[in-house]
């Protein structure tokens, strides 16, 4: 196991997520929104995202063992879409566009999971909690759009 590469893979989504969190902090209006049923308290989000980013990094490391460039490309695309969703939703407050964006992100993640499963079953399975959270986030996003 290449621990240096593993740590780099874990740090990539954590750093991107951290930068996005810093950008959106002054724009975060979650507490002032009318929220749909099952909306968690805001403290849940950084905890869940930290866990998901760590799982993403481990998954990316495991899928990179075969050196397939296309796997890294789809991984980077979904990270890009993930990062911009928060900015679209919180900074620009374009809730409908954010919903469309997260649907695209979900499709990218499904595609990524399929690719990762072909290379390393564990790498693909580690992305399942992320997919489930994105589906839940899409529900919350749509609920916020409709209720506000």
C-alpha atoms as a PDB file:
ATOM      1  CA  UNK A   1       0.000   0.000   0.000  1.00  0.00           C
ATOM      2  CA  UNK A   2       1.287   3.430  -0.975  1.00  0.00           C
ATOM      3  CA  UNK A   3       0.329   5.501   2.085  1.00  0.00           C
ATOM      4  CA  UNK A   4       1.582   8.754   0.577  1.00  0.00           C
ATOM      5  CA  UNK A   5      -0.701   8.313  -2.436  1.00  0.00           C
ATOM      6  CA  UNK A   6      -3.592   7.277  -0.179  1.00  0.00           C
ATOM      7  CA  UNK A   7      -3.213  10.423   1.926  1.00  0.00           C
ATOM      8  CA  UNK A   8      -3.064  12.599  -1.202  1.00  0.00           C
ATOM      9  CA  UNK A   9      -6.253  10.967  -2.476  1.00  0.00           C
ATOM     10  CA  UNK A  10      -8.015  11.585   0.834  1.00  0.00           C
ATOM     11  CA  UNK A  11      -6.781  15.171   1.096  1.00  0.00           C
ATOM     12  CA  UNK A  12      -7.939  16.182  -2.402  1.00  0.00           C
ATOM     13  CA  UNK A  13     -11.699  16.091  -1.724  1.00  0.00           C
ATOM     14  CA  UNK A  14     -11.205  17.317   1.856  1.00  0.00           C
ATOM     15  CA  UNK A  15      -9.291  20.389   0.659  1.00  0.00           C
ATOM     16  CA  UNK A  16     -11.751  21.123  -2.142  1.00  0.00           C
ATOM     17  CA  UNK A  17     -14.666  20.718   0.278  1.00  0.00           C
ATOM     18  CA  UNK A  18     -12.932  22.936   2.819  1.00  0.00           C
ATOM     19  CA  UNK A  19     -12.318  25.695   0.291  1.00  0.00           C
ATOM     20  CA  UNK A  20     -15.944  25.574  -0.865  1.00  0.00           C
ATOM     21  CA  UNK A  21     -17.136  25.669   2.753  1.00  0.00           C
ATOM     22  CA  UNK A  22     -15.048  28.780   3.394  1.00  0.00           C
ATOM     23  CA  UNK A  23     -16.435  30.449   0.270  1.00  0.00           C
ATOM     24  CA  UNK A  24     -20.053  29.740   1.159  1.00  0.00           C
ATOM     25  CA  UNK A  25     -19.976  30.451   4.926  1.00  0.00           C
ATOM     26  CA  UNK A  26     -21.042  34.103   4.570  1.00  0.00           C
ATOM     27  CA  UNK A  27     -23.830  33.092   2.171  1.00  0.00           C
ATOM     28  CA  UNK A  28     -25.207  30.101   4.081  1.00  0.00           C
ATOM     29  CA  UNK A  29     -28.889  30.795   4.674  1.00  0.00           C
ATOM     30  CA  UNK A  30     -29.901  27.245   5.629  1.00  0.00           C
ATOM     31  CA  UNK A  31     -31.287  28.330   9.019  1.00  0.00           C
ATOM     32  CA  UNK A  32     -33.537  30.975   7.451  1.00  0.00           C
ATOM     33  CA  UNK A  33     -35.083  28.731   4.788  1.00  0.00           C
ATOM     34  CA  UNK A  34     -38.370  26.907   4.953  1.00  0.00           C
ATOM     35  CA  UNK A  35     -37.087  23.334   4.934  1.00  0.00           C
ATOM     36  CA  UNK A  36     -38.750  20.140   3.755  1.00  0.00           C
ATOM     37  CA  UNK A  37     -39.534  17.303   6.180  1.00  0.00           C
ATOM     38  CA  UNK A  38     -36.521  15.220   7.293  1.00  0.00           C
ATOM     39  CA  UNK A  39     -34.146  18.183   6.984  1.00  0.00           C
ATOM     40  CA  UNK A  40     -31.246  17.611   9.364  1.00  0.00           C
ATOM     41  CA  UNK A  41     -29.781  20.343  11.572  1.00  0.00           C
ATOM     42  CA  UNK A  42     -26.958  22.249   9.877  1.00  0.00           C
ATOM     43  CA  UNK A  43     -24.300  20.669  12.137  1.00  0.00           C
ATOM     44  CA  UNK A  44     -24.906  17.321  10.404  1.00  0.00           C
ATOM     45  CA  UNK A  45     -23.623  18.512   7.027  1.00  0.00           C
ATOM     46  CA  UNK A  46     -19.918  19.081   7.794  1.00  0.00           C
ATOM     47  CA  UNK A  47     -19.765  15.776   9.688  1.00  0.00           C
ATOM     48  CA  UNK A  48     -21.376  13.791   6.883  1.00  0.00           C
ATOM     49  CA  UNK A  49     -19.356  15.523   4.162  1.00  0.00           C
ATOM     50  CA  UNK A  50     -16.083  14.902   5.975  1.00  0.00           C
ATOM     51  CA  UNK A  51     -16.868  11.187   6.197  1.00  0.00           C
ATOM     52  CA  UNK A  52     -17.966  11.079   2.553  1.00  0.00           C
ATOM     53  CA  UNK A  53     -14.838  12.923   1.369  1.00  0.00           C
ATOM     54  CA  UNK A  54     -12.635  10.445   3.236  1.00  0.00           C
ATOM     55  CA  UNK A  55     -14.517   7.517   1.665  1.00  0.00           C
ATOM     56  CA  UNK A  56     -14.199   9.213  -1.744  1.00  0.00           C
ATOM     57  CA  UNK A  57     -10.460   9.555  -1.307  1.00  0.00           C
ATOM     58  CA  UNK A  58     -10.010   5.929  -0.276  1.00  0.00           C
ATOM     59  CA  UNK A  59     -12.170   4.847  -3.202  1.00  0.00           C
ATOM     60  CA  UNK A  60     -10.168   6.973  -5.640  1.00  0.00           C
ATOM     61  CA  UNK A  61      -6.959   5.470  -4.303  1.00  0.00           C
ATOM     62  CA  UNK A  62      -8.257   1.911  -4.717  1.00  0.00           C
ATOM     63  CA  UNK A  63      -9.517   2.608  -8.223  1.00  0.00           C
ATOM     64  CA  UNK A  64      -6.213   4.163  -9.250  1.00  0.00           C
ATOM     65  CA  UNK A  65      -4.295   0.932  -8.790  1.00  0.00           C
ATOM     66  CA  UNK A  66      -4.762   0.060 -12.461  1.00  0.00           C
ATOM     67  CA  UNK A  67      -3.722   3.544 -13.672  1.00  0.00           C
ATOM     68  CA  UNK A  68      -6.859   4.068 -15.787  1.00  0.00           C
ATOM     69  CA  UNK A  69      -6.956   7.746 -16.713  1.00  0.00           C
ATOM     70  CA  UNK A  70     -10.685   7.690 -17.506  1.00  0.00           C
ATOM     71  CA  UNK A  71     -11.477   6.739 -13.891  1.00  0.00           C
ATOM     72  CA  UNK A  72      -9.531   9.708 -12.567  1.00  0.00           C
ATOM     73  CA  UNK A  73     -11.203  11.963 -15.136  1.00  0.00           C
ATOM     74  CA  UNK A  74     -14.744  11.005 -14.095  1.00  0.00           C
ATOM     75  CA  UNK A  75     -13.698  11.314 -10.449  1.00  0.00           C
ATOM     76  CA  UNK A  76     -12.418  14.858 -11.065  1.00  0.00           C
ATOM     77  CA  UNK A  77     -15.558  15.824 -12.993  1.00  0.00           C
ATOM     78  CA  UNK A  78     -17.813  14.725 -10.163  1.00  0.00           C
ATOM     79  CA  UNK A  79     -15.616  16.622  -7.664  1.00  0.00           C
ATOM     80  CA  UNK A  80     -15.983  19.712  -9.850  1.00  0.00           C
ATOM     81  CA  UNK A  81     -19.772  19.341 -10.018  1.00  0.00           C
ATOM     82  CA  UNK A  82     -19.876  18.644  -6.285  1.00  0.00           C
ATOM     83  CA  UNK A  83     -17.911  21.797  -5.458  1.00  0.00           C
ATOM     84  CA  UNK A  84     -19.961  24.043  -7.703  1.00  0.00           C
ATOM     85  CA  UNK A  85     -23.290  22.784  -6.389  1.00  0.00           C
ATOM     86  CA  UNK A  86     -22.741  24.498  -3.030  1.00  0.00           C
ATOM     87  CA  UNK A  87     -21.779  27.729  -4.735  1.00  0.00           C
ATOM     88  CA  UNK A  88     -24.809  27.630  -7.033  1.00  0.00           C
ATOM     89  CA  UNK A  89     -27.140  26.794  -4.138  1.00  0.00           C
ATOM     90  CA  UNK A  90     -25.761  28.993  -1.347  1.00  0.00           C
ATOM     91  CA  UNK A  91     -23.790  31.811  -2.975  1.00  0.00           C
ATOM     92  CA  UNK A  92     -25.915  32.484  -6.052  1.00  0.00           C
ATOM     93  CA  UNK A  93     -29.132  31.103  -4.509  1.00  0.00           C
ATOM     94  CA  UNK A  94     -30.161  29.579  -7.836  1.00  0.00           C
ATOM     95  CA  UNK A  95     -32.098  26.716  -6.270  1.00  0.00           C
ATOM     96  CA  UNK A  96     -33.628  25.315  -9.462  1.00  0.00           C
ATOM     97  CA  UNK A  97     -30.286  25.374 -11.286  1.00  0.00           C
ATOM     98  CA  UNK A  98     -28.729  23.737  -8.216  1.00  0.00           C
ATOM     99  CA  UNK A  99     -31.337  20.976  -8.420  1.00  0.00           C
ATOM    100  CA  UNK A 100     -30.569  20.356 -12.095  1.00  0.00           C
ATOM    101  CA  UNK A 101     -26.851  20.484 -11.255  1.00  0.00           C
ATOM    102  CA  UNK A 102     -27.189  17.878  -8.502  1.00  0.00           C
ATOM    103  CA  UNK A 103     -29.119  15.574 -10.841  1.00  0.00           C
ATOM    104  CA  UNK A 104     -26.183  15.780 -13.263  1.00  0.00           C
ATOM    105  CA  UNK A 105     -23.851  15.115 -10.328  1.00  0.00           C
ATOM    106  CA  UNK A 106     -25.871  12.033  -9.363  1.00  0.00           C
ATOM    107  CA  UNK A 107     -25.606  10.734 -12.944  1.00  0.00           C
ATOM    108  CA  UNK A 108     -21.841  11.336 -12.904  1.00  0.00           C
ATOM    109  CA  UNK A 109     -21.503   9.497  -9.600  1.00  0.00           C
ATOM    110  CA  UNK A 110     -23.529   6.537 -10.866  1.00  0.00           C
ATOM    111  CA  UNK A 111     -21.256   6.389 -13.912  1.00  0.00           C
ATOM    112  CA  UNK A 112     -18.180   6.675 -11.652  1.00  0.00           C
ATOM    113  CA  UNK A 113     -19.430   3.868  -9.396  1.00  0.00           C
ATOM    114  CA  UNK A 114     -19.915   1.604 -12.415  1.00  0.00           C
ATOM    115  CA  UNK A 115     -16.370   2.345 -13.606  1.00  0.00           C
ATOM    116  CA  UNK A 116     -14.880   1.866 -10.138  1.00  0.00           C
ATOM    117  CA  UNK A 117     -16.738  -1.428  -9.634  1.00  0.00           C
ATOM    118  CA  UNK A 118     -15.138  -2.772 -12.810  1.00  0.00           C
ATOM    119  CA  UNK A 119     -11.681  -2.022 -11.434  1.00  0.00           C
ATOM    120  CA  UNK A 120     -12.069  -2.645  -7.711  1.00  0.00           C
ATOM    121  CA  UNK A 121     -15.326  -3.713  -6.088  1.00  0.00           C
ATOM    122  CA  UNK A 122     -14.479  -2.029  -2.779  1.00  0.00           C
ATOM    123  CA  UNK A 123     -13.702   1.247  -4.583  1.00  0.00           C
ATOM    124  CA  UNK A 124     -17.160   1.218  -6.148  1.00  0.00           C
ATOM    125  CA  UNK A 125     -18.961   0.221  -2.963  1.00  0.00           C
ATOM    126  CA  UNK A 126     -17.279   2.989  -0.962  1.00  0.00           C
ATOM    127  CA  UNK A 127     -19.065   5.498  -3.211  1.00  0.00           C
ATOM    128  CA  UNK A 128     -22.561   4.170  -2.392  1.00  0.00           C
ATOM    129  CA  UNK A 129     -23.005   6.300   0.781  1.00  0.00           C
ATOM    130  CA  UNK A 130     -22.052   9.348  -1.300  1.00  0.00           C
ATOM    131  CA  UNK A 131     -24.672   8.488  -3.921  1.00  0.00           C
ATOM    132  CA  UNK A 132     -27.336   7.977  -1.260  1.00  0.00           C
ATOM    133  CA  UNK A 133     -26.460  11.299   0.387  1.00  0.00           C
ATOM    134  CA  UNK A 134     -26.630  13.065  -2.981  1.00  0.00           C
ATOM    135  CA  UNK A 135     -30.094  11.652  -3.595  1.00  0.00           C
ATOM    136  CA  UNK A 136     -31.146  12.912  -0.160  1.00  0.00           C
ATOM    137  CA  UNK A 137     -29.505  16.280  -0.898  1.00  0.00           C
ATOM    138  CA  UNK A 138     -31.430  16.466  -4.188  1.00  0.00           C
ATOM    139  CA  UNK A 139     -34.651  15.930  -2.234  1.00  0.00           C
ATOM    140  CA  UNK A 140     -33.665  18.714   0.186  1.00  0.00           C
ATOM    141  CA  UNK A 141     -32.671  20.977  -2.711  1.00  0.00           C
ATOM    142  CA  UNK A 142     -35.973  20.448  -4.502  1.00  0.00           C
ATOM    143  CA  UNK A 143     -37.877  20.945  -1.242  1.00  0.00           C
ATOM    144  CA  UNK A 144     -36.102  24.242  -0.577  1.00  0.00           C
ATOM    145  CA  UNK A 145     -36.799  25.385  -4.122  1.00  0.00           C
ATOM    146  CA  UNK A 146     -40.508  24.562  -3.869  1.00  0.00           C
ATOM    147  CA  UNK A 147     -40.992  25.914  -0.337  1.00  0.00           C
ATOM    148  CA  UNK A 148     -39.098  29.156  -0.767  1.00  0.00           C
END
